[in-house]
Protein backbone atom coordinates (compact mmCIF):
# COMPACT_ATOMS: atom_id res chain seq x y z
CA MET A 1 -14.02 24.66 -2.83
CA HIS A 2 -13.82 27.82 -0.70
CA GLU A 3 -11.84 30.40 -2.68
CA THR A 4 -9.99 32.05 0.21
CA THR A 5 -9.03 28.73 1.74
CA ALA A 6 -7.88 27.38 -1.62
CA ALA A 7 -5.68 30.43 -2.16
CA ALA A 8 -4.19 30.08 1.31
CA LYS A 9 -3.46 26.40 0.74
CA TYR A 10 -1.81 27.19 -2.61
CA LYS A 11 0.39 29.81 -0.95
CA MET A 12 1.35 27.44 1.85
CA MET A 13 2.23 24.58 -0.50
CA THR A 14 4.37 26.74 -2.80
CA THR A 15 6.12 29.07 -0.32
CA ALA A 16 6.49 27.35 3.09
CA PRO A 17 9.89 25.70 3.83
CA VAL A 18 9.79 22.34 2.10
CA GLU A 19 11.33 20.36 4.98
CA ARG A 20 8.68 21.54 7.42
CA LEU A 21 5.98 21.11 4.78
CA VAL A 22 6.97 17.51 3.97
CA VAL A 23 7.03 16.59 7.66
CA ARG A 24 3.63 18.22 8.18
CA MET A 25 2.18 16.27 5.25
CA ALA A 26 4.00 13.08 6.22
CA VAL A 27 2.97 12.68 9.87
CA PRO A 28 -0.66 11.82 9.02
CA THR A 29 0.32 9.67 6.02
CA ILE A 30 2.88 7.71 8.06
CA THR A 31 0.17 7.08 10.62
CA ILE A 32 -2.28 6.04 7.90
CA MET A 33 0.17 3.63 6.27
CA MET A 34 1.11 2.02 9.57
CA ILE A 35 -2.54 1.72 10.52
CA SER A 36 -3.31 0.13 7.13
CA ALA A 37 -0.49 -2.35 7.67
CA MET A 38 -1.84 -3.13 11.12
CA TYR A 39 -5.21 -4.20 9.68
CA ASN A 40 -3.49 -7.30 8.33
CA MET A 41 -1.02 -7.49 11.23
CA ALA A 42 -3.88 -7.63 13.75
CA ASP A 43 -5.61 -10.43 11.87
CA THR A 44 -2.34 -12.37 11.60
CA TYR A 45 -1.57 -11.92 15.29
CA PHE A 46 -4.95 -13.01 16.65
CA VAL A 47 -5.53 -15.77 14.08
CA ALA A 48 -2.09 -17.20 14.97
CA PHE A 49 -3.66 -18.47 18.22
CA LEU A 50 -5.85 -20.75 16.08
CA GLY A 51 -2.90 -22.66 14.59
CA THR A 52 -0.35 -22.69 11.77
CA SER A 53 -2.84 -23.49 8.98
CA ALA A 54 -5.13 -20.66 10.06
CA THR A 55 -2.16 -18.26 10.10
CA ALA A 56 -1.22 -19.41 6.61
CA ALA A 57 -4.81 -18.79 5.44
CA VAL A 58 -4.51 -15.11 6.33
CA GLY A 59 -1.29 -15.06 4.34
CA ILE A 60 -3.11 -16.64 1.41
CA ALA A 61 -5.79 -13.93 1.59
CA PHE A 62 -3.10 -11.25 1.55
CA SER A 63 -2.73 -11.83 -2.20
CA LEU A 64 -6.38 -10.90 -2.69
CA MET A 65 -5.98 -7.89 -0.40
CA ALA A 66 -3.13 -6.77 -2.67
CA ILE A 67 -5.50 -6.88 -5.66
CA ILE A 68 -8.08 -4.80 -3.79
CA GLN A 69 -5.36 -2.35 -2.75
CA ALA A 70 -4.15 -2.18 -6.34
CA ALA A 71 -7.59 -0.97 -7.44
CA GLY A 72 -7.78 1.53 -4.57
CA PHE A 73 -4.31 2.93 -5.20
CA PHE A 74 -4.96 3.11 -8.95
CA PHE A 75 -8.01 5.33 -8.56
CA GLY A 76 -6.58 7.21 -5.58
CA HIS A 77 -3.22 7.99 -7.13
CA GLY A 78 -4.67 8.41 -10.62
CA THR A 79 -7.17 11.05 -9.52
CA GLY A 80 -4.95 12.48 -6.78
CA ASN A 81 -1.98 13.16 -9.04
CA PHE A 82 -4.22 15.03 -11.47
CA ILE A 83 -5.97 16.94 -8.68
CA SER A 84 -2.75 18.10 -7.00
CA ARG A 85 -1.45 19.43 -10.32
CA ALA A 86 -4.85 20.97 -11.10
CA LEU A 87 -4.94 22.76 -7.75
CA GLY A 88 -1.34 23.87 -8.29
CA SER A 89 -2.45 25.50 -11.55
CA GLN A 90 -5.70 26.70 -9.83
CA ASN A 91 -8.14 24.58 -11.85
CA ALA A 92 -10.66 23.73 -9.09
CA GLU A 93 -13.53 22.80 -11.45
CA GLY A 94 -11.52 20.14 -13.25
CA ALA A 95 -10.34 18.77 -9.92
CA GLY A 96 -13.93 18.39 -8.67
CA LYS A 97 -15.09 16.46 -11.73
CA MET A 98 -12.11 14.14 -11.55
CA ALA A 99 -12.77 13.43 -7.85
CA ALA A 100 -16.39 12.41 -8.48
CA THR A 101 -15.48 10.27 -11.47
CA GLY A 102 -12.73 8.54 -9.52
CA LEU A 103 -14.90 7.68 -6.52
CA VAL A 104 -17.78 6.19 -8.50
CA SER A 105 -15.33 4.22 -10.64
CA ALA A 106 -13.50 2.95 -7.56
CA PHE A 107 -16.69 1.64 -5.93
CA ALA A 108 -17.75 -0.07 -9.17
CA ALA A 109 -14.35 -1.76 -9.50
CA GLY A 110 -14.59 -3.05 -5.93
CA ALA A 111 -18.09 -4.38 -6.59
CA CYS A 112 -16.81 -6.35 -9.60
CA ILE A 113 -14.06 -7.92 -7.47
CA ALA A 114 -16.63 -8.87 -4.82
CA VAL A 115 -19.12 -10.46 -7.21
CA PHE A 116 -16.60 -12.57 -9.12
CA GLY A 117 -14.80 -13.54 -5.93
CA VAL A 118 -17.94 -14.81 -4.18
CA ILE A 119 -19.08 -16.74 -7.26
CA PHE A 120 -15.71 -18.48 -7.64
CA LEU A 121 -14.77 -18.68 -3.95
CA SER A 122 -13.19 -22.14 -3.82
CA PRO A 123 -11.28 -21.87 -7.11
CA LEU A 124 -10.06 -18.45 -5.98
CA ALA A 125 -8.77 -19.83 -2.67
CA ARG A 126 -6.94 -22.58 -4.56
CA LEU A 127 -5.55 -20.09 -7.06
CA LEU A 128 -4.17 -17.95 -4.25
CA GLY A 129 -2.15 -20.92 -3.00
CA SER A 130 -4.33 -22.82 -0.50
CA THR A 131 -3.34 -26.36 0.36
CA ASP A 132 -5.93 -28.95 1.42
CA THR A 133 -5.38 -28.09 5.09
CA ILE A 134 -5.47 -24.32 4.53
CA LEU A 135 -8.50 -24.28 2.18
CA PRO A 136 -11.30 -24.38 4.83
CA TYR A 137 -9.74 -21.46 6.73
CA ALA A 138 -9.11 -19.49 3.54
CA ARG A 139 -12.72 -19.92 2.41
CA ASP A 140 -14.01 -18.75 5.77
CA TYR A 141 -11.80 -15.67 5.70
CA LEU A 142 -12.50 -14.70 2.08
CA ARG A 143 -16.27 -15.16 2.51
CA PHE A 144 -16.35 -11.97 4.59
CA ILE A 145 -13.50 -10.05 3.02
CA LEU A 146 -14.91 -10.09 -0.52
CA PRO A 147 -18.23 -8.25 0.21
CA ALA A 148 -16.17 -5.46 1.77
CA ALA A 149 -14.14 -4.93 -1.43
CA PRO A 150 -16.17 -1.93 -2.75
CA PHE A 151 -15.70 -0.09 0.56
CA MET A 152 -12.03 -1.04 0.80
CA VAL A 153 -11.28 0.25 -2.70
CA SER A 154 -13.27 3.43 -2.06
CA SER A 155 -11.65 4.14 1.32
CA LEU A 156 -8.16 3.84 -0.18
CA MET A 157 -9.20 6.12 -3.03
CA LEU A 158 -10.69 8.75 -0.66
CA ASN A 159 -7.68 8.62 1.66
CA ASN A 160 -5.29 9.30 -1.21
CA LEU A 161 -7.57 12.01 -2.57
CA LEU A 162 -7.37 13.88 0.74
CA ARG A 163 -3.62 13.34 0.93
CA TYR A 164 -2.94 14.81 -2.50
CA GLN A 165 -4.87 17.93 -1.51
CA GLY A 166 -2.69 18.46 1.55
CA SER A 167 -5.41 17.26 3.97
CA ALA A 168 -3.79 14.02 5.10
CA PHE A 169 -4.86 14.63 8.71
CA LEU A 170 -8.51 14.07 7.78
CA GLY A 171 -7.54 10.85 6.03
CA MET A 172 -5.69 9.79 9.16
CA ILE A 173 -8.82 10.24 11.27
CA GLY A 174 -10.86 8.02 8.96
CA MET A 175 -8.23 5.28 8.75
CA VAL A 176 -7.31 5.29 12.45
CA SER A 177 -10.97 5.03 13.47
CA GLY A 178 -11.39 1.90 11.39
CA ALA A 179 -8.15 0.38 12.66
CA ILE A 180 -9.08 0.91 16.30
CA MET A 181 -12.41 -0.79 15.68
CA ASN A 182 -10.67 -3.68 13.90
CA ALA A 183 -8.24 -4.23 16.79
CA GLY A 184 -11.15 -4.27 19.24
CA LEU A 185 -13.45 -6.51 17.21
CA ASP A 186 -10.80 -9.12 16.32
CA PRO A 187 -10.48 -10.72 19.78
CA LEU A 188 -14.21 -10.20 20.44
CA PHE A 189 -15.34 -12.10 17.34
CA ILE A 190 -12.53 -14.69 17.32
CA PHE A 191 -12.49 -15.71 20.99
CA VAL A 192 -15.63 -14.42 22.73
CA PHE A 193 -18.11 -15.22 19.95
CA ARG A 194 -15.94 -18.20 18.87
CA MET A 195 -16.14 -17.29 15.18
CA GLY A 196 -12.52 -18.23 14.49
CA VAL A 197 -11.09 -17.06 11.17
CA GLN A 198 -14.50 -15.78 10.12
CA GLY A 199 -14.46 -13.43 13.09
CA ALA A 200 -11.19 -11.85 11.97
CA ALA A 201 -12.57 -11.29 8.48
CA LEU A 202 -15.86 -9.88 9.79
CA ALA A 203 -13.95 -7.43 12.00
CA THR A 204 -11.99 -6.25 8.98
CA MET A 205 -15.14 -5.91 6.88
CA ILE A 206 -16.93 -3.75 9.48
CA SER A 207 -13.91 -1.56 10.18
CA GLN A 208 -13.14 -0.96 6.50
CA THR A 209 -16.76 0.05 5.86
CA LEU A 210 -16.61 2.49 8.76
CA SER A 211 -13.39 4.02 7.38
CA CYS A 212 -14.98 4.51 3.97
CA VAL A 213 -18.03 6.32 5.38
CA LEU A 214 -15.93 8.54 7.64
CA LEU A 215 -13.50 9.48 4.87
CA PHE A 216 -16.36 10.48 2.60
CA VAL A 217 -18.01 12.63 5.27
CA LEU A 218 -14.76 14.24 6.40
CA GLY A 219 -13.75 14.98 2.82
CA ARG A 220 -17.02 16.79 2.13
CA LYS A 221 -16.77 18.86 5.30
CA GLY A 222 -13.07 19.69 5.14
CA ARG A 223 -12.48 23.34 4.20
CA GLY A 224 -10.23 23.91 1.25
CA ASN A 225 -10.82 20.42 -0.20
CA VAL A 226 -12.45 19.49 -3.48
CA ARG A 227 -16.04 18.64 -2.57
CA ILE A 228 -17.18 15.41 -4.20
CA LEU A 229 -20.58 15.90 -5.83
CA PHE A 230 -21.98 12.87 -7.62
CA ARG A 231 -23.47 15.08 -10.30
CA GLY A 232 -19.86 15.85 -11.18
CA PHE A 233 -19.40 12.23 -12.32
CA SER A 234 -18.31 12.68 -15.92
CA PRO A 235 -16.63 9.57 -17.30
CA SER A 236 -14.69 10.20 -20.47
CA LEU A 237 -11.70 8.83 -22.32
CA ALA A 238 -9.72 11.89 -21.27
CA SER A 239 -10.47 11.44 -17.55
CA TYR A 240 -9.59 7.75 -17.56
CA LYS A 241 -6.45 8.52 -19.53
CA GLU A 242 -5.43 10.89 -16.72
CA MET A 243 -6.19 8.20 -14.13
CA LEU A 244 -4.10 5.75 -16.10
CA ARG A 245 -1.28 8.24 -16.34
CA GLY A 246 -1.13 8.84 -12.60
CA GLY A 247 -2.37 5.48 -11.32
CA LEU A 248 -0.74 2.92 -13.64
CA PRO A 249 2.50 2.70 -11.62
CA SER A 250 0.50 1.93 -8.46
CA LEU A 251 -1.69 -0.58 -10.29
CA LEU A 252 1.34 -2.36 -11.68
CA ARG A 253 3.16 -2.27 -8.35
CA GLN A 254 0.27 -3.74 -6.36
CA GLY A 255 -1.03 -5.99 -9.12
CA ILE A 256 2.30 -7.65 -9.75
CA ALA A 257 2.83 -7.83 -5.97
CA SER A 258 -0.34 -9.90 -5.77
CA LEU A 259 0.85 -12.24 -8.52
CA ALA A 260 4.24 -12.59 -6.84
CA ALA A 261 2.55 -13.37 -3.50
CA VAL A 262 0.45 -16.08 -5.16
CA LEU A 263 3.52 -17.66 -6.75
CA LEU A 264 5.41 -17.43 -3.45
CA ASN A 265 2.53 -19.18 -1.67
CA HIS A 266 2.54 -21.98 -4.23
CA ALA A 267 6.32 -22.35 -3.98
CA ALA A 268 6.20 -22.38 -0.17
CA GLY A 269 3.24 -24.77 -0.14
CA ALA A 270 5.44 -27.55 -1.49
CA TYR A 271 7.39 -27.43 1.78
CA GLY A 272 4.43 -27.34 4.17
CA ASP A 273 2.07 -24.94 5.92
CA ALA A 274 4.84 -23.80 8.29
CA VAL A 275 6.81 -22.24 5.44
CA ILE A 276 3.73 -20.42 4.13
CA ALA A 277 2.96 -19.19 7.66
CA ALA A 278 6.56 -18.04 8.23
CA MET A 279 6.77 -16.10 4.96
CA SER A 280 3.34 -14.62 5.64
CA ILE A 281 4.56 -13.32 9.00
CA VAL A 282 7.77 -11.91 7.48
CA ASN A 283 5.77 -10.17 4.75
CA ARG A 284 3.54 -8.55 7.39
CA ILE A 285 6.57 -7.38 9.37
CA PHE A 286 8.20 -5.98 6.23
CA LEU A 287 4.93 -4.27 5.29
CA LEU A 288 4.68 -2.66 8.72
CA ALA A 289 8.37 -1.65 8.71
CA SER A 290 8.23 -0.14 5.23
CA SER A 291 4.84 1.53 5.72
CA ALA A 292 6.41 4.41 7.65
CA ILE A 293 8.76 5.15 4.74
CA VAL A 294 5.92 4.83 2.23
CA GLY A 295 3.90 7.26 4.33
CA PHE A 296 6.83 9.65 4.43
CA GLY A 297 7.09 9.47 0.64
CA GLN A 298 3.37 10.08 0.33
CA GLY A 299 3.87 13.22 2.39
CA PHE A 300 6.36 14.29 -0.27
CA GLN A 301 3.90 13.75 -3.14
CA PRO A 302 1.51 16.69 -2.58
CA VAL A 303 4.51 18.98 -2.05
CA CYS A 304 5.98 17.67 -5.30
CA GLY A 305 2.66 17.89 -7.19
CA PHE A 306 1.78 21.43 -6.13
CA ASN A 307 5.26 22.81 -6.80
CA TYR A 308 5.71 20.93 -10.06
CA GLY A 309 2.37 22.34 -11.22
CA ALA A 310 3.48 25.81 -10.08
CA LYS A 311 6.84 25.39 -11.90
CA ARG A 312 8.89 25.55 -8.69
CA CYS A 313 11.35 22.81 -9.56
CA ASP A 314 13.93 24.06 -7.06
CA ARG A 315 11.50 23.21 -4.25
CA VAL A 316 10.81 19.76 -5.71
CA LYS A 317 14.52 18.94 -5.75
CA LYS A 318 15.07 20.24 -2.23
CA ALA A 319 12.15 18.22 -0.87
CA PHE A 320 13.40 15.07 -2.64
CA ARG A 321 16.90 15.37 -1.17
CA PHE A 322 15.47 15.88 2.31
CA CYS A 323 13.29 12.77 1.99
CA ILE A 324 16.17 10.59 0.79
CA CYS A 325 18.46 11.56 3.66
CA LEU A 326 15.90 11.16 6.42
CA SER A 327 14.35 7.92 5.15
CA THR A 328 17.71 6.21 4.62
CA ALA A 329 18.89 7.09 8.12
CA ALA A 330 15.67 5.73 9.63
CA LEU A 331 15.91 2.50 7.62
CA VAL A 332 19.48 1.82 8.77
CA ILE A 333 18.34 1.97 12.41
CA LEU A 334 15.25 -0.14 11.70
CA ALA A 335 17.26 -2.79 9.82
CA ALA A 336 19.73 -3.15 12.69
CA ALA A 337 16.94 -3.59 15.24
CA CYS A 338 15.08 -6.18 13.15
CA PHE A 339 18.28 -8.16 12.49
CA ILE A 340 19.14 -8.37 16.19
CA TYR A 341 15.65 -9.22 17.43
CA ALA A 342 14.42 -11.31 14.47
CA PRO A 343 13.74 -14.54 16.44
CA ASP A 344 11.84 -12.65 19.13
CA ILE A 345 9.75 -10.80 16.53
CA ILE A 346 8.74 -14.01 14.73
CA SER A 347 8.00 -15.70 18.08
CA LEU A 348 5.36 -13.08 18.85
CA PHE A 349 3.17 -14.79 16.25
CA ARG A 350 3.95 -18.54 16.51
CA LYS A 351 6.09 -19.13 19.61
CA ASP A 352 5.13 -22.83 19.76
CA ASP A 353 6.22 -23.69 16.20
CA ALA A 354 10.02 -24.01 15.95
CA GLU A 355 9.96 -24.46 12.16
CA VAL A 356 8.01 -21.22 11.62
CA ILE A 357 10.48 -19.35 13.85
CA ALA A 358 13.56 -20.79 12.10
CA VAL A 359 12.31 -20.12 8.56
CA GLY A 360 10.99 -16.66 9.43
CA THR A 361 14.14 -15.55 11.28
CA LEU A 362 16.47 -16.21 8.34
CA ALA A 363 14.07 -14.59 5.85
CA LEU A 364 13.70 -11.47 8.01
CA ARG A 365 17.44 -11.12 8.61
CA ALA A 366 18.17 -11.46 4.89
CA GLU A 367 15.68 -8.67 4.18
CA CYS A 368 17.41 -6.42 6.72
CA PHE A 369 20.49 -6.16 4.48
CA VAL A 370 18.51 -4.30 1.81
CA PHE A 371 16.17 -2.25 4.05
CA PRO A 372 18.32 0.91 3.77
CA LEU A 373 18.02 0.86 -0.05
CA LEU A 374 14.23 1.16 0.14
CA GLY A 375 14.36 4.93 0.71
CA TRP A 376 15.81 5.72 -2.71
CA ILE A 377 13.64 3.13 -4.49
CA LEU A 378 10.39 4.52 -3.08
CA MET A 379 11.24 8.23 -3.32
CA ALA A 380 12.39 7.89 -6.92
CA GLY A 381 9.12 6.14 -7.77
CA PHE A 382 7.01 8.77 -6.01
CA LEU A 383 8.90 11.56 -7.80
CA LEU A 384 8.38 10.05 -11.25
CA GLN A 385 4.73 9.20 -10.60
CA THR A 386 3.78 12.62 -9.25
CA MET A 387 5.51 14.38 -12.14
CA GLY A 388 3.31 12.35 -14.52
CA LYS A 389 6.25 10.38 -15.97
CA ALA A 390 4.12 7.30 -16.45
CA PHE A 391 6.56 5.08 -18.37
CA PRO A 392 9.64 5.22 -16.12
CA ALA A 393 7.44 5.23 -13.02
CA SER A 394 5.61 2.15 -14.30
CA VAL A 395 8.86 0.37 -15.15
CA LEU A 396 10.16 0.98 -11.66
CA ALA A 397 6.87 -0.04 -10.05
CA PHE A 398 6.76 -3.24 -12.09
CA SER A 399 10.42 -4.16 -11.69
CA ARG A 400 10.62 -5.47 -8.11
CA GLN A 401 8.18 -8.32 -8.61
CA GLY A 402 7.80 -8.50 -12.39
CA LEU A 403 11.39 -8.21 -13.56
CA PHE A 404 13.18 -9.72 -10.58
CA LEU A 405 11.17 -11.55 -7.88
CA ILE A 406 8.99 -13.75 -10.11
CA PRO A 407 11.86 -14.92 -12.36
CA LEU A 408 13.99 -15.55 -9.25
CA LEU A 409 11.28 -17.78 -7.79
CA PHE A 410 11.44 -20.01 -10.85
CA ILE A 411 15.25 -20.13 -10.72
CA ALA A 412 16.11 -20.17 -7.01
CA VAL A 413 13.39 -22.37 -5.50
CA PRO A 414 14.07 -25.48 -7.65
CA SER A 415 17.80 -25.06 -6.96
CA PHE A 416 17.86 -24.09 -3.28
CA GLY A 417 14.44 -25.06 -1.91
CA VAL A 418 13.34 -23.14 1.19
CA LEU A 419 16.54 -21.09 1.17
CA GLY A 420 15.64 -19.89 -2.32
CA ILE A 421 12.24 -18.74 -1.04
CA GLN A 422 13.89 -16.86 1.83
CA LEU A 423 16.46 -15.07 -0.35
CA CYS A 424 14.39 -14.19 -3.43
CA THR A 425 12.85 -11.02 -1.99
CA PRO A 426 16.07 -9.34 -0.75
CA VAL A 427 17.86 -10.13 -4.01
CA ALA A 428 14.94 -8.63 -5.97
CA ASP A 429 15.09 -5.50 -3.80
CA PHE A 430 18.79 -5.04 -4.49
CA CYS A 431 18.26 -5.40 -8.26
CA THR A 432 15.40 -2.87 -8.08
CA PHE A 433 17.70 -0.38 -6.36
CA LEU A 434 20.24 -0.70 -9.20
CA LEU A 435 17.48 0.02 -11.73
CA SER A 436 16.05 2.95 -9.74
CA LEU A 437 19.36 4.84 -9.59
CA PRO A 438 19.50 6.02 -13.24
CA LEU A 439 15.74 6.61 -13.42
CA GLY A 440 15.74 8.88 -10.38
CA ILE A 441 18.91 10.73 -11.38
CA THR A 442 17.56 11.36 -14.88
CA ALA A 443 14.36 12.88 -13.47
CA LEU A 444 16.35 15.20 -11.22
CA ARG A 445 18.93 16.32 -13.76
CA ARG A 446 16.92 16.41 -16.99
CA ASP A 447 13.16 16.47 -16.47
CA LEU A 448 13.08 18.99 -13.66
CA ALA A 449 15.63 21.17 -15.44
CA GLU A 450 13.51 21.17 -18.61
CA GLN A 451 10.18 21.88 -16.89
């Protein structure tokens, strides 16, 4: 890493006004998160023209995508958290070794997912919640998604690596390029080449591979960034312990999200493909709506990591307060808009299926009541994770699905049927907010004061 540039970046991250710094870091990450969400949104939108069962198949595959994302976020956040603190304490050599170790490990993890998934394709599709009518579409979709897993895991890892170094703009270029290609290839493969669901999956596979290659090249050429050299690959218990420390909350969050999605698919499947399709659409909308706030929080993380490493706790607190205020205000506006226009939003995907629209509208409106709470939940989790507080960060990451949503599915669905499916997620979000309050306040008042 270029010495002068590294020194300039350190000075910027530890002395520039935190509000301006967070916004500067957040604009690319917000774009990246929304683009990532639109990968799945684009597939859902175009596949919806093929019918309700095909739409549900994309929703079924979302559970697998969550597993792939869990691996990518684990290595990306695990290495990125360490690297941002290392750069804050001016340990460039250690940062370089961790980056190389993380990338090779990420690609290997994705390869394992691909191999096992292809071997057990049909059982996997069933496990994810496919019904007899959804299974052929799910198999077609997964057949192309699985070989792309190594590149998907690696691209998520590289994107987060750039973000934690304060170079989120480069990550944005790599992710946006892939998303634009995906949006262009989807209708081409689905309708022009008449590949159906397979066309949507092939478009995603090509675009994700492109993103991975671009992110790697941009990361190596970006001035002031840790340059990934494969000879720096140095796996050790200590390096994986650091990855676990920084990446476990993300692994738990995404991993348990995948399990919850599988259970939700199975619960919805008992009431027909329309319910699965409706909940799949609502989940995509929620993912897109929340992605901007997640991106904003990810803009906070490098500011937090650098300043926490440099022992500037006053700047960490100031940045946190700024993020809470701005994200909550944005979520209130977003929740109001989604509540008012819920039927129209659902109709964009399946306007000819009244049952999908009815089920999706109620589920989306119920979620709107807890949207404004998401700001505190996410920012508290990002704060704990970036500070290296693995246990409370992991508890919070695990809680939404593991402590609340999954148990609620077993209680509410047998009692209330489809209504139980629609209300489980917002109730789980509210319970998560109650848990996040003391965890976040403790970090602000005790941990930052002691550092």
